[in-house]
C-alpha atoms as a PDB file:
ATOM      1  CA  UNK A   1      -4.035   4.988  -8.823  1.00  0.00           C
ATOM      2  CA  UNK A   2      -2.534   2.672  -6.230  1.00  0.00           C
ATOM      3  CA  UNK A   3       1.247   2.456  -5.992  1.00  0.00           C
ATOM      4  CA  UNK A   4       3.290  -0.637  -5.224  1.00  0.00           C
ATOM      5  CA  UNK A   5       5.363  -0.705  -2.037  1.00  0.00           C
ATOM      6  CA  UNK A   6       7.485  -3.344  -0.318  1.00  0.00           C
ATOM      7  CA  UNK A   7       5.132  -5.453   1.780  1.00  0.00           C
ATOM      8  CA  UNK A   8       7.010  -4.736   4.992  1.00  0.00           C
ATOM      9  CA  UNK A   9       8.798  -1.565   5.983  1.00  0.00           C
ATOM     10  CA  UNK A  10      10.230   0.161   9.027  1.00  0.00           C
ATOM     11  CA  UNK A  11       8.298   2.870  10.865  1.00  0.00           C
ATOM     12  CA  UNK A  12      10.495   5.729  12.004  1.00  0.00           C
ATOM     13  CA  UNK A  13       8.771   7.117  15.110  1.00  0.00           C
ATOM     14  CA  UNK A  14      10.852   5.146  17.669  1.00  0.00           C
ATOM     15  CA  UNK A  15      14.025   6.537  16.084  1.00  0.00           C
ATOM     16  CA  UNK A  16      12.890  10.014  17.153  1.00  0.00           C
ATOM     17  CA  UNK A  17      13.314   9.154  20.856  1.00  0.00           C
ATOM     18  CA  UNK A  18       9.739   8.037  21.351  1.00  0.00           C
ATOM     19  CA  UNK A  19       9.058   7.368  25.051  1.00  0.00           C
ATOM     20  CA  UNK A  20      12.765   7.251  25.981  1.00  0.00           C
ATOM     21  CA  UNK A  21      16.155   8.582  24.850  1.00  0.00           C
ATOM     22  CA  UNK A  22      18.127   6.591  22.320  1.00  0.00           C
ATOM     23  CA  UNK A  23      21.873   6.859  21.892  1.00  0.00           C
ATOM     24  CA  UNK A  24      23.229   7.555  18.429  1.00  0.00           C
ATOM     25  CA  UNK A  25      25.070   4.235  18.575  1.00  0.00           C
ATOM     26  CA  UNK A  26      21.842   2.321  19.238  1.00  0.00           C
ATOM     27  CA  UNK A  27      19.963   4.275  16.578  1.00  0.00           C
ATOM     28  CA  UNK A  28      22.677   3.503  14.013  1.00  0.00           C
ATOM     29  CA  UNK A  29      22.748  -0.148  15.016  1.00  0.00           C
ATOM     30  CA  UNK A  30      18.955  -0.429  14.690  1.00  0.00           C
ATOM     31  CA  UNK A  31      18.849   1.150  11.256  1.00  0.00           C
ATOM     32  CA  UNK A  32      21.830  -0.808   9.967  1.00  0.00           C
ATOM     33  CA  UNK A  33      20.201  -3.988  11.266  1.00  0.00           C
ATOM     34  CA  UNK A  34      17.050  -3.089   9.336  1.00  0.00           C
ATOM     35  CA  UNK A  35      19.002  -2.685   6.115  1.00  0.00           C
ATOM     36  CA  UNK A  36      20.908  -5.922   6.702  1.00  0.00           C
ATOM     37  CA  UNK A  37      17.646  -7.781   7.427  1.00  0.00           C
ATOM     38  CA  UNK A  38      16.286  -6.752   4.043  1.00  0.00           C
ATOM     39  CA  UNK A  39      14.038  -3.799   4.850  1.00  0.00           C
ATOM     40  CA  UNK A  40      13.782  -1.542   1.830  1.00  0.00           C
ATOM     41  CA  UNK A  41      10.880   0.717   2.762  1.00  0.00           C
ATOM     42  CA  UNK A  42      11.394   3.403   5.391  1.00  0.00           C
ATOM     43  CA  UNK A  43       8.835   5.865   6.709  1.00  0.00           C
ATOM     44  CA  UNK A  44       9.760   8.903   8.772  1.00  0.00           C
ATOM     45  CA  UNK A  45       8.550  12.413   9.609  1.00  0.00           C
ATOM     46  CA  UNK A  46       9.896  15.799  10.731  1.00  0.00           C
ATOM     47  CA  UNK A  47       7.627  15.379  13.765  1.00  0.00           C
ATOM     48  CA  UNK A  48       9.614  12.400  15.079  1.00  0.00           C
ATOM     49  CA  UNK A  49      12.055  13.971  17.486  1.00  0.00           C
ATOM     50  CA  UNK A  50      11.718  17.368  15.758  1.00  0.00           C
ATOM     51  CA  UNK A  51      13.955  16.238  12.899  1.00  0.00           C
ATOM     52  CA  UNK A  52      16.021  13.727  14.862  1.00  0.00           C
ATOM     53  CA  UNK A  53      14.616  10.624  13.180  1.00  0.00           C
ATOM     54  CA  UNK A  54      15.143  12.066   9.712  1.00  0.00           C
ATOM     55  CA  UNK A  55      18.760  12.858  10.585  1.00  0.00           C
ATOM     56  CA  UNK A  56      19.318   9.307  11.781  1.00  0.00           C
ATOM     57  CA  UNK A  57      17.709   7.732   8.721  1.00  0.00           C
ATOM     58  CA  UNK A  58      19.769   9.971   6.497  1.00  0.00           C
ATOM     59  CA  UNK A  59      22.952   8.798   8.161  1.00  0.00           C
ATOM     60  CA  UNK A  60      22.072   5.170   7.479  1.00  0.00           C
ATOM     61  CA  UNK A  61      20.960   5.805   3.902  1.00  0.00           C
ATOM     62  CA  UNK A  62      24.075   7.782   3.040  1.00  0.00           C
ATOM     63  CA  UNK A  63      25.879   5.972   0.245  1.00  0.00           C
ATOM     64  CA  UNK A  64      23.040   3.480  -0.347  1.00  0.00           C
ATOM     65  CA  UNK A  65      21.926   3.285  -4.001  1.00  0.00           C
ATOM     66  CA  UNK A  66      18.780   5.430  -4.163  1.00  0.00           C
ATOM     67  CA  UNK A  67      16.952   3.007  -6.450  1.00  0.00           C
ATOM     68  CA  UNK A  68      17.263   0.204  -3.904  1.00  0.00           C
ATOM     69  CA  UNK A  69      14.848   1.571  -1.300  1.00  0.00           C
ATOM     70  CA  UNK A  70      11.523   3.370  -0.935  1.00  0.00           C
ATOM     71  CA  UNK A  71      11.326   6.427   1.313  1.00  0.00           C
ATOM     72  CA  UNK A  72       8.327   8.321   2.644  1.00  0.00           C
ATOM     73  CA  UNK A  73       8.088  11.290   4.946  1.00  0.00           C
ATOM     74  CA  UNK A  74       5.418  13.770   5.950  1.00  0.00           C
ATOM     75  CA  UNK A  75       4.388  17.395   5.687  1.00  0.00           C
ATOM     76  CA  UNK A  76       2.244  19.609   7.896  1.00  0.00           C
ATOM     77  CA  UNK A  77       4.761  20.767  10.489  1.00  0.00           C
ATOM     78  CA  UNK A  78       7.656  23.029   9.612  1.00  0.00           C
ATOM     79  CA  UNK A  79      10.648  23.038  11.949  1.00  0.00           C
ATOM     80  CA  UNK A  80      12.251  26.270  13.124  1.00  0.00           C
ATOM     81  CA  UNK A  81      15.407  26.500  15.276  1.00  0.00           C
ATOM     82  CA  UNK A  82      14.619  27.085  18.941  1.00  0.00           C
ATOM     83  CA  UNK A  83      16.564  27.687  22.107  1.00  0.00           C
ATOM     84  CA  UNK A  84      15.525  24.377  23.624  1.00  0.00           C
ATOM     85  CA  UNK A  85      13.691  21.189  22.620  1.00  0.00           C
ATOM     86  CA  UNK A  86       9.892  21.124  22.730  1.00  0.00           C
ATOM     87  CA  UNK A  87       9.855  17.447  23.765  1.00  0.00           C
ATOM     88  CA  UNK A  88       6.351  17.056  22.377  1.00  0.00           C
ATOM     89  CA  UNK A  89       4.733  13.916  23.799  1.00  0.00           C
ATOM     90  CA  UNK A  90       5.559  11.072  23.213  1.00  0.00           C
ATOM     91  CA  UNK A  91       9.061  12.252  22.210  1.00  0.00           C
ATOM     92  CA  UNK A  92      11.890  13.121  24.589  1.00  0.00           C
ATOM     93  CA  UNK A  93      15.365  14.624  24.183  1.00  0.00           C
ATOM     94  CA  UNK A  94      14.475  16.062  20.791  1.00  0.00           C
ATOM     95  CA  UNK A  95      16.477  18.371  18.591  1.00  0.00           C
ATOM     96  CA  UNK A  96      16.074  22.057  19.564  1.00  0.00           C
ATOM     97  CA  UNK A  97      13.437  22.850  16.956  1.00  0.00           C
ATOM     98  CA  UNK A  98       9.980  24.370  17.198  1.00  0.00           C
ATOM     99  CA  UNK A  99       7.121  22.816  15.238  1.00  0.00           C
ATOM    100  CA  UNK A 100       4.990  25.264  13.252  1.00  0.00           C
ATOM    101  CA  UNK A 101       1.753  23.802  11.813  1.00  0.00           C
ATOM    102  CA  UNK A 102       1.546  24.577   8.091  1.00  0.00           C
ATOM    103  CA  UNK A 103      -0.665  22.622   5.713  1.00  0.00           C
ATOM    104  CA  UNK A 104      -0.435  25.116   2.857  1.00  0.00           C
ATOM    105  CA  UNK A 105       0.950  24.346  -0.585  1.00  0.00           C
ATOM    106  CA  UNK A 106       4.059  26.441   0.024  1.00  0.00           C
ATOM    107  CA  UNK A 107       4.468  24.854   3.457  1.00  0.00           C
ATOM    108  CA  UNK A 108       4.370  21.380   1.921  1.00  0.00           C
ATOM    109  CA  UNK A 109       7.014  22.264  -0.657  1.00  0.00           C
ATOM    110  CA  UNK A 110       9.262  23.828   1.966  1.00  0.00           C
ATOM    111  CA  UNK A 111       8.801  20.869   4.288  1.00  0.00           C
ATOM    112  CA  UNK A 112       9.861  18.492   1.517  1.00  0.00           C
ATOM    113  CA  UNK A 113      12.961  20.587   0.789  1.00  0.00           C
ATOM    114  CA  UNK A 114      13.869  20.606   4.483  1.00  0.00           C
ATOM    115  CA  UNK A 115      13.394  16.829   4.780  1.00  0.00           C
ATOM    116  CA  UNK A 116      15.557  16.182   1.733  1.00  0.00           C
ATOM    117  CA  UNK A 117      18.299  18.324   3.261  1.00  0.00           C
ATOM    118  CA  UNK A 118      18.057  16.649   6.688  1.00  0.00           C
ATOM    119  CA  UNK A 119      18.257  13.178   5.160  1.00  0.00           C
ATOM    120  CA  UNK A 120      20.749  14.018   2.442  1.00  0.00           C
ATOM    121  CA  UNK A 121      18.708  12.351  -0.304  1.00  0.00           C
ATOM    122  CA  UNK A 122      17.670  13.711  -3.674  1.00  0.00           C
ATOM    123  CA  UNK A 123      14.049  12.582  -3.784  1.00  0.00           C
ATOM    124  CA  UNK A 124      11.115  11.105  -1.917  1.00  0.00           C
ATOM    125  CA  UNK A 125       8.827   8.367  -3.135  1.00  0.00           C
ATOM    126  CA  UNK A 126       5.710   9.062  -1.068  1.00  0.00           C
ATOM    127  CA  UNK A 127       4.661  12.088   0.972  1.00  0.00           C
ATOM    128  CA  UNK A 128       1.957  11.904   3.636  1.00  0.00           C
ATOM    129  CA  UNK A 129       0.063  14.904   5.029  1.00  0.00           C
ATOM    130  CA  UNK A 130       0.590  14.337   8.730  1.00  0.00           C
ATOM    131  CA  UNK A 131      -1.950  14.360  11.559  1.00  0.00           C
ATOM    132  CA  UNK A 132      -4.842  16.309  10.061  1.00  0.00           C
ATOM    133  CA  UNK A 133      -7.039  14.668  12.671  1.00  0.00           C
ATOM    134  CA  UNK A 134      -8.960  15.333  15.847  1.00  0.00           C
ATOM    135  CA  UNK A 135      -6.601  13.397  18.093  1.00  0.00           C
ATOM    136  CA  UNK A 136      -3.856  15.906  17.260  1.00  0.00           C
ATOM    137  CA  UNK A 137      -5.643  19.241  17.011  1.00  0.00           C
ATOM    138  CA  UNK A 138      -8.976  18.833  18.806  1.00  0.00           C
ATOM    139  CA  UNK A 139     -11.986  20.711  17.363  1.00  0.00           C
ATOM    140  CA  UNK A 140      -9.637  22.824  15.242  1.00  0.00           C
ATOM    141  CA  UNK A 141      -8.673  19.799  13.158  1.00  0.00           C
ATOM    142  CA  UNK A 142     -11.249  20.492  10.462  1.00  0.00           C
ATOM    143  CA  UNK A 143      -9.686  23.888   9.778  1.00  0.00           C
ATOM    144  CA  UNK A 144      -6.292  22.256   9.339  1.00  0.00           C
ATOM    145  CA  UNK A 145      -7.877  19.552   7.198  1.00  0.00           C
ATOM    146  CA  UNK A 146      -9.417  22.093   4.820  1.00  0.00           C
ATOM    147  CA  UNK A 147      -6.149  23.997   4.668  1.00  0.00           C
ATOM    148  CA  UNK A 148      -4.488  20.724   3.697  1.00  0.00           C
ATOM    149  CA  UNK A 149      -7.058  19.887   1.016  1.00  0.00           C
ATOM    150  CA  UNK A 150      -6.807  23.396  -0.476  1.00  0.00           C
ATOM    151  CA  UNK A 151      -3.038  23.607  -0.108  1.00  0.00           C
ATOM    152  CA  UNK A 152      -0.766  20.630   0.564  1.00  0.00           C
ATOM    153  CA  UNK A 153      -2.981  18.144  -1.284  1.00  0.00           C
ATOM    154  CA  UNK A 154      -2.943  20.231  -4.446  1.00  0.00           C
ATOM    155  CA  UNK A 155       0.801  20.771  -4.239  1.00  0.00           C
ATOM    156  CA  UNK A 156       1.439  17.058  -3.768  1.00  0.00           C
ATOM    157  CA  UNK A 157      -0.918  16.170  -6.618  1.00  0.00           C
ATOM    158  CA  UNK A 158       1.067  18.491  -8.872  1.00  0.00           C
ATOM    159  CA  UNK A 159       4.375  16.981  -7.736  1.00  0.00           C
ATOM    160  CA  UNK A 160       2.996  13.510  -8.422  1.00  0.00           C
ATOM    161  CA  UNK A 161       1.723  14.499 -11.867  1.00  0.00           C
ATOM    162  CA  UNK A 162       5.134  15.995 -12.658  1.00  0.00           C
ATOM    163  CA  UNK A 163       6.849  12.763 -11.587  1.00  0.00           C
ATOM    164  CA  UNK A 164       8.707  14.383  -8.670  1.00  0.00           C
ATOM    165  CA  UNK A 165       7.062  11.935  -6.209  1.00  0.00           C
ATOM    166  CA  UNK A 166       5.330   8.637  -6.870  1.00  0.00           C
ATOM    167  CA  UNK A 167       2.308   9.312  -4.700  1.00  0.00           C
ATOM    168  CA  UNK A 168       0.783  10.992  -1.674  1.00  0.00           C
ATOM    169  CA  UNK A 169      -1.887  10.569   0.970  1.00  0.00           C
ATOM    170  CA  UNK A 170      -2.615  11.224   4.635  1.00  0.00           C
ATOM    171  CA  UNK A 171      -0.632   9.894   7.587  1.00  0.00           C
ATOM    172  CA  UNK A 172      -3.101   9.769  10.477  1.00  0.00           C
ATOM    173  CA  UNK A 173      -4.275   7.782  13.491  1.00  0.00           C
ATOM    174  CA  UNK A 174      -7.998   8.075  12.710  1.00  0.00           C
ATOM    175  CA  UNK A 175     -10.227   6.844   9.899  1.00  0.00           C
ATOM    176  CA  UNK A 176     -12.464   9.878   9.344  1.00  0.00           C
ATOM    177  CA  UNK A 177      -9.867  12.170   7.715  1.00  0.00           C
ATOM    178  CA  UNK A 178      -9.066   9.453   5.172  1.00  0.00           C
ATOM    179  CA  UNK A 179     -12.722   9.112   4.229  1.00  0.00           C
ATOM    180  CA  UNK A 180     -13.033  12.873   3.808  1.00  0.00           C
ATOM    181  CA  UNK A 181      -9.844  13.037   1.748  1.00  0.00           C
ATOM    182  CA  UNK A 182     -11.286  10.487  -0.688  1.00  0.00           C
ATOM    183  CA  UNK A 183     -14.303  12.766  -1.144  1.00  0.00           C
ATOM    184  CA  UNK A 184     -12.264  15.911  -1.754  1.00  0.00           C
ATOM    185  CA  UNK A 185      -9.017  14.844  -3.419  1.00  0.00           C
ATOM    186  CA  UNK A 186      -7.149  12.139  -5.290  1.00  0.00           C
ATOM    187  CA  UNK A 187      -4.686  10.369  -2.950  1.00  0.00           C
ATOM    188  CA  UNK A 188      -2.809   7.181  -3.813  1.00  0.00           C
ATOM    189  CA  UNK A 189      -2.201   5.712  -0.392  1.00  0.00           C
ATOM    190  CA  UNK A 190      -2.960   6.331   3.278  1.00  0.00           C
ATOM    191  CA  UNK A 191      -0.763   5.652   6.258  1.00  0.00           C
ATOM    192  CA  UNK A 192      -3.259   4.585   8.909  1.00  0.00           C
ATOM    193  CA  UNK A 193      -1.725   3.920  12.328  1.00  0.00           C
ATOM    194  CA  UNK A 194      -3.363   1.706  14.921  1.00  0.00           C
ATOM    195  CA  UNK A 195      -6.782   1.497  13.282  1.00  0.00           C
ATOM    196  CA  UNK A 196      -6.337  -1.806  11.493  1.00  0.00           C
ATOM    197  CA  UNK A 197      -4.976  -4.480  13.777  1.00  0.00           C
ATOM    198  CA  UNK A 198      -5.960  -7.612  15.643  1.00  0.00           C
ATOM    199  CA  UNK A 199      -7.197  -5.353  18.429  1.00  0.00           C
ATOM    200  CA  UNK A 200      -9.126  -2.836  16.353  1.00  0.00           C
ATOM    201  CA  UNK A 201     -10.410  -3.135  12.803  1.00  0.00           C
ATOM    202  CA  UNK A 202     -14.185  -2.589  12.682  1.00  0.00           C
ATOM    203  CA  UNK A 203     -14.282   1.041  11.572  1.00  0.00           C
ATOM    204  CA  UNK A 204     -11.672   0.605   8.850  1.00  0.00           C
ATOM    205  CA  UNK A 205     -13.406  -2.492   7.484  1.00  0.00           C
ATOM    206  CA  UNK A 206     -16.835  -0.878   7.521  1.00  0.00           C
ATOM    207  CA  UNK A 207     -16.212   2.691   6.393  1.00  0.00           C
ATOM    208  CA  UNK A 208     -12.824   3.139   4.691  1.00  0.00           C
ATOM    209  CA  UNK A 209     -11.457  -0.005   3.105  1.00  0.00           C
ATOM    210  CA  UNK A 210     -14.397  -0.644   0.733  1.00  0.00           C
ATOM    211  CA  UNK A 211     -13.989   2.849  -0.742  1.00  0.00           C
ATOM    212  CA  UNK A 212     -10.229   2.419  -0.966  1.00  0.00           C
ATOM    213  CA  UNK A 213     -10.724  -0.825  -2.870  1.00  0.00           C
ATOM    214  CA  UNK A 214     -13.214   0.785  -5.245  1.00  0.00           C
ATOM    215  CA  UNK A 215     -10.881   3.744  -5.833  1.00  0.00           C
ATOM    216  CA  UNK A 216      -7.712   1.602  -6.059  1.00  0.00           C
ATOM    217  CA  UNK A 217      -6.143   3.408  -3.104  1.00  0.00           C
ATOM    218  CA  UNK A 218      -3.725   1.478  -0.904  1.00  0.00           C
ATOM    219  CA  UNK A 219      -3.213   1.578   2.846  1.00  0.00           C
ATOM    220  CA  UNK A 220       0.065   1.388   4.731  1.00  0.00           C
ATOM    221  CA  UNK A 221      -0.659   0.011   8.190  1.00  0.00           C
ATOM    222  CA  UNK A 222       1.333   1.777  10.884  1.00  0.00           C
ATOM    223  CA  UNK A 223       1.317   0.609  14.469  1.00  0.00           C
ATOM    224  CA  UNK A 224       0.397  -3.024  13.726  1.00  0.00           C
ATOM    225  CA  UNK A 225       1.178  -3.810  17.377  1.00  0.00           C
ATOM    226  CA  UNK A 226      -0.940  -0.858  18.624  1.00  0.00           C
ATOM    227  CA  UNK A 227       1.979   1.074  20.142  1.00  0.00           C
ATOM    228  CA  UNK A 228       3.479  -2.187  21.390  1.00  0.00           C
ATOM    229  CA  UNK A 229       0.618  -3.780  23.312  1.00  0.00           C
ATOM    230  CA  UNK A 230       0.431  -6.728  20.877  1.00  0.00           C
ATOM    231  CA  UNK A 231       4.189  -7.189  21.140  1.00  0.00           C
ATOM    232  CA  UNK A 232       4.151  -7.423  24.935  1.00  0.00           C
ATOM    233  CA  UNK A 233       4.849  -3.722  25.437  1.00  0.00           C
ATOM    234  CA  UNK A 234       3.515  -1.251  27.972  1.00  0.00           C
ATOM    235  CA  UNK A 235       1.753   1.245  25.695  1.00  0.00           C
ATOM    236  CA  UNK A 236      -1.504   1.523  23.768  1.00  0.00           C
ATOM    237  CA  UNK A 237      -2.262   4.611  21.699  1.00  0.00           C
ATOM    238  CA  UNK A 238       1.069   6.012  22.943  1.00  0.00           C
ATOM    239  CA  UNK A 239      -0.226   5.851  26.524  1.00  0.00           C
ATOM    240  CA  UNK A 240      -1.063   3.377  29.306  1.00  0.00           C
ATOM    241  CA  UNK A 241      -2.980   0.225  28.378  1.00  0.00           C
ATOM    242  CA  UNK A 242      -6.689   0.394  29.356  1.00  0.00           C
ATOM    243  CA  UNK A 243      -8.017  -2.643  31.277  1.00  0.00           C
ATOM    244  CA  UNK A 244     -10.316  -3.763  28.455  1.00  0.00           C
ATOM    245  CA  UNK A 245      -7.458  -3.681  25.951  1.00  0.00           C
ATOM    246  CA  UNK A 246      -5.224  -5.637  28.338  1.00  0.00           C
ATOM    247  CA  UNK A 247      -7.965  -8.238  28.692  1.00  0.00           C
ATOM    248  CA  UNK A 248      -8.376  -8.617  24.939  1.00  0.00           C
ATOM    249  CA  UNK A 249      -4.625  -8.933  24.527  1.00  0.00           C
ATOM    250  CA  UNK A 250      -4.571 -11.772  27.053  1.00  0.00           C
ATOM    251  CA  UNK A 251      -7.319 -13.543  25.154  1.00  0.00           C
ATOM    252  CA  UNK A 252      -5.390 -13.188  21.903  1.00  0.00           C
ATOM    253  CA  UNK A 253      -2.192 -14.379  23.586  1.00  0.00           C
ATOM    254  CA  UNK A 254      -3.954 -17.418  24.999  1.00  0.00           C
ATOM    255  CA  UNK A 255      -5.327 -18.353  21.581  1.00  0.00           C
ATOM    256  CA  UNK A 256      -1.892 -17.878  20.026  1.00  0.00           C
ATOM    257  CA  UNK A 257      -0.228 -20.077  22.634  1.00  0.00           C
ATOM    258  CA  UNK A 258      -2.786 -22.848  22.110  1.00  0.00           C
ATOM    259  CA  UNK A 259      -2.056 -22.791  18.389  1.00  0.00           C
ATOM    260  CA  UNK A 260       1.730 -22.440  18.745  1.00  0.00           C
ATOM    261  CA  UNK A 261       1.694 -18.987  17.124  1.00  0.00           C
ATOM    262  CA  UNK A 262       3.756 -15.903  17.946  1.00  0.00           C
ATOM    263  CA  UNK A 263       1.211 -13.122  18.396  1.00  0.00           C
ATOM    264  CA  UNK A 264       3.560 -10.612  16.781  1.00  0.00           C
ATOM    265  CA  UNK A 265       3.737 -12.692  13.612  1.00  0.00           C
ATOM    266  CA  UNK A 266      -0.037 -13.043  13.625  1.00  0.00           C
ATOM    267  CA  UNK A 267      -0.441  -9.272  14.018  1.00  0.00           C
ATOM    268  CA  UNK A 268       1.630  -8.610  10.901  1.00  0.00           C
ATOM    269  CA  UNK A 269      -0.035 -11.285   8.795  1.00  0.00           C
ATOM    270  CA  UNK A 270      -3.521 -10.179   9.767  1.00  0.00           C
ATOM    271  CA  UNK A 271      -2.822  -6.703   8.417  1.00  0.00           C
ATOM    272  CA  UNK A 272      -1.265  -7.976   5.208  1.00  0.00           C
ATOM    273  CA  UNK A 273      -4.144 -10.339   4.456  1.00  0.00           C
ATOM    274  CA  UNK A 274      -6.441  -7.465   3.558  1.00  0.00           C
ATOM    275  CA  UNK A 275      -6.226  -6.746  -0.189  1.00  0.00           C
ATOM    276  CA  UNK A 276      -6.325  -2.991   0.463  1.00  0.00           C
ATOM    277  CA  UNK A 277      -3.140  -3.100   2.557  1.00  0.00           C
ATOM    278  CA  UNK A 278      -0.041  -2.257   0.545  1.00  0.00           C
ATOM    279  CA  UNK A 279       2.487  -2.513   3.367  1.00  0.00           C
ATOM    280  CA  UNK A 280       2.864  -2.862   7.113  1.00  0.00           C
ATOM    281  CA  UNK A 281       5.511  -0.822   8.946  1.00  0.00           C
ATOM    282  CA  UNK A 282       6.313  -1.858  12.522  1.00  0.00           C
ATOM    283  CA  UNK A 283       8.743   0.432  14.285  1.00  0.00           C
ATOM    284  CA  UNK A 284      11.523  -0.235  16.754  1.00  0.00           C
ATOM    285  CA  UNK A 285      14.522   1.271  18.511  1.00  0.00           C
ATOM    286  CA  UNK A 286      16.016  -2.145  19.320  1.00  0.00           C
ATOM    287  CA  UNK A 287      18.736  -3.495  16.999  1.00  0.00           C
ATOM    288  CA  UNK A 288      17.474  -7.047  17.530  1.00  0.00           C
ATOM    289  CA  UNK A 289      13.960  -6.362  16.286  1.00  0.00           C
ATOM    290  CA  UNK A 290      14.401  -5.856  12.519  1.00  0.00           C
ATOM    291  CA  UNK A 291      15.581  -9.426  11.999  1.00  0.00           C
ATOM    292  CA  UNK A 292      12.784 -10.685  14.238  1.00  0.00           C
ATOM    293  CA  UNK A 293      10.209  -8.685  12.284  1.00  0.00           C
ATOM    294  CA  UNK A 294      11.476 -10.107   9.025  1.00  0.00           C
ATOM    295  CA  UNK A 295      11.303 -13.612  10.498  1.00  0.00           C
ATOM    296  CA  UNK A 296       7.692 -12.969  11.541  1.00  0.00           C
ATOM    297  CA  UNK A 297       6.968 -11.714   8.035  1.00  0.00           C
ATOM    298  CA  UNK A 298       8.360 -14.937   6.569  1.00  0.00           C
ATOM    299  CA  UNK A 299       6.483 -17.152   9.042  1.00  0.00           C
ATOM    300  CA  UNK A 300       3.284 -18.911   8.027  1.00  0.00           C
ATOM    301  CA  UNK A 301       0.466 -18.637  10.573  1.00  0.00           C
ATOM    302  CA  UNK A 302      -1.688 -21.792  10.635  1.00  0.00           C
ATOM    303  CA  UNK A 303      -5.300 -21.550   9.510  1.00  0.00           C
ATOM    304  CA  UNK A 304      -6.367 -23.050  12.818  1.00  0.00           C
ATOM    305  CA  UNK A 305      -5.388 -19.836  14.603  1.00  0.00           C
ATOM    306  CA  UNK A 306      -7.657 -17.646  12.506  1.00  0.00           C
ATOM    307  CA  UNK A 307     -10.489 -20.134  12.862  1.00  0.00           C
ATOM    308  CA  UNK A 308     -10.021 -20.048  16.632  1.00  0.00           C
ATOM    309  CA  UNK A 309     -10.181 -16.250  16.753  1.00  0.00           C
ATOM    310  CA  UNK A 310     -13.383 -16.143  14.735  1.00  0.00           C
ATOM    311  CA  UNK A 311     -14.975 -18.966  16.720  1.00  0.00           C
ATOM    312  CA  UNK A 312     -14.157 -17.223  20.014  1.00  0.00           C
ATOM    313  CA  UNK A 313     -15.443 -13.850  18.843  1.00  0.00           C
ATOM    314  CA  UNK A 314     -11.993 -12.241  18.854  1.00  0.00           C
ATOM    315  CA  UNK A 315     -12.131 -11.583  15.112  1.00  0.00           C
ATOM    316  CA  UNK A 316     -15.196 -10.791  13.057  1.00  0.00           C
ATOM    317  CA  UNK A 317     -16.297 -13.357  10.526  1.00  0.00           C
ATOM    318  CA  UNK A 318     -15.790 -11.172   7.458  1.00  0.00           C
ATOM    319  CA  UNK A 319     -12.260 -10.009   8.363  1.00  0.00           C
ATOM    320  CA  UNK A 320      -9.830 -11.157   5.680  1.00  0.00           C
ATOM    321  CA  UNK A 321      -7.215 -13.609   6.932  1.00  0.00           C
ATOM    322  CA  UNK A 322      -4.300 -15.377   5.239  1.00  0.00           C
ATOM    323  CA  UNK A 323      -5.373 -18.292   3.088  1.00  0.00           C
END
């Protein structure tokens, strides 16, 4: 059964020193700005900075009434103390922890206990099985996926049925694992990063979202700006922007400018217009962004813009758009 989430949340990857180091002062300022702007859904992971992001979120959430916010984190990588940081791409200046892949039931339970301790909270709302996908593990991903279905998925289902968590799903960058998980298990919600956006939406619309709708499974859209490219940034898929993506971005920007629309606002509203999407979670390490994101969320994008995109072939005809 689908669970209800705040329609906009904050993605935690940038708070784990993604791409560049972040001072503790800037991290605190960013997270406090998010709270002050009205964000009440936060998503994080042990993977982000090898525990660094969870520490930072925990510092901000300390003393906040637990019933006033929704918190999700991920399982699949246990952290062990190490002599030096791994600095696993795209993270830099991480905590000195080693990641150990573990998608077993016991690994999931231990990972949850460790995350609760790092963040200093007493419970989680949603738990995602992280990165059981080819982009992370190559051909070996199917072995990890089956370990997750036979282990972590069953443990999380039991925790959900016992009322310890509200729901669970996968947190991935690719569509295929989500489709397979629907065949083999009973998730509530997926966190799908970068696969449903103004730049890329065909596969999700064609192969995943119809099944999610039929099964009453929600989707949290991560990476609504595709690693920043739709927000004027320098990355796509956590790497350099390919020429064809840069060209499409310029076409979208031109259409937005003609219609007097901020492309970042349009990117958020496009995601939210799909009835399968439960929430959208842009991330940032800039204290000015949370208020801007909330302003985009509260902005109405004119119908003319969506009509322009469909007329110019930048958006397929059957893609849901705001009414």
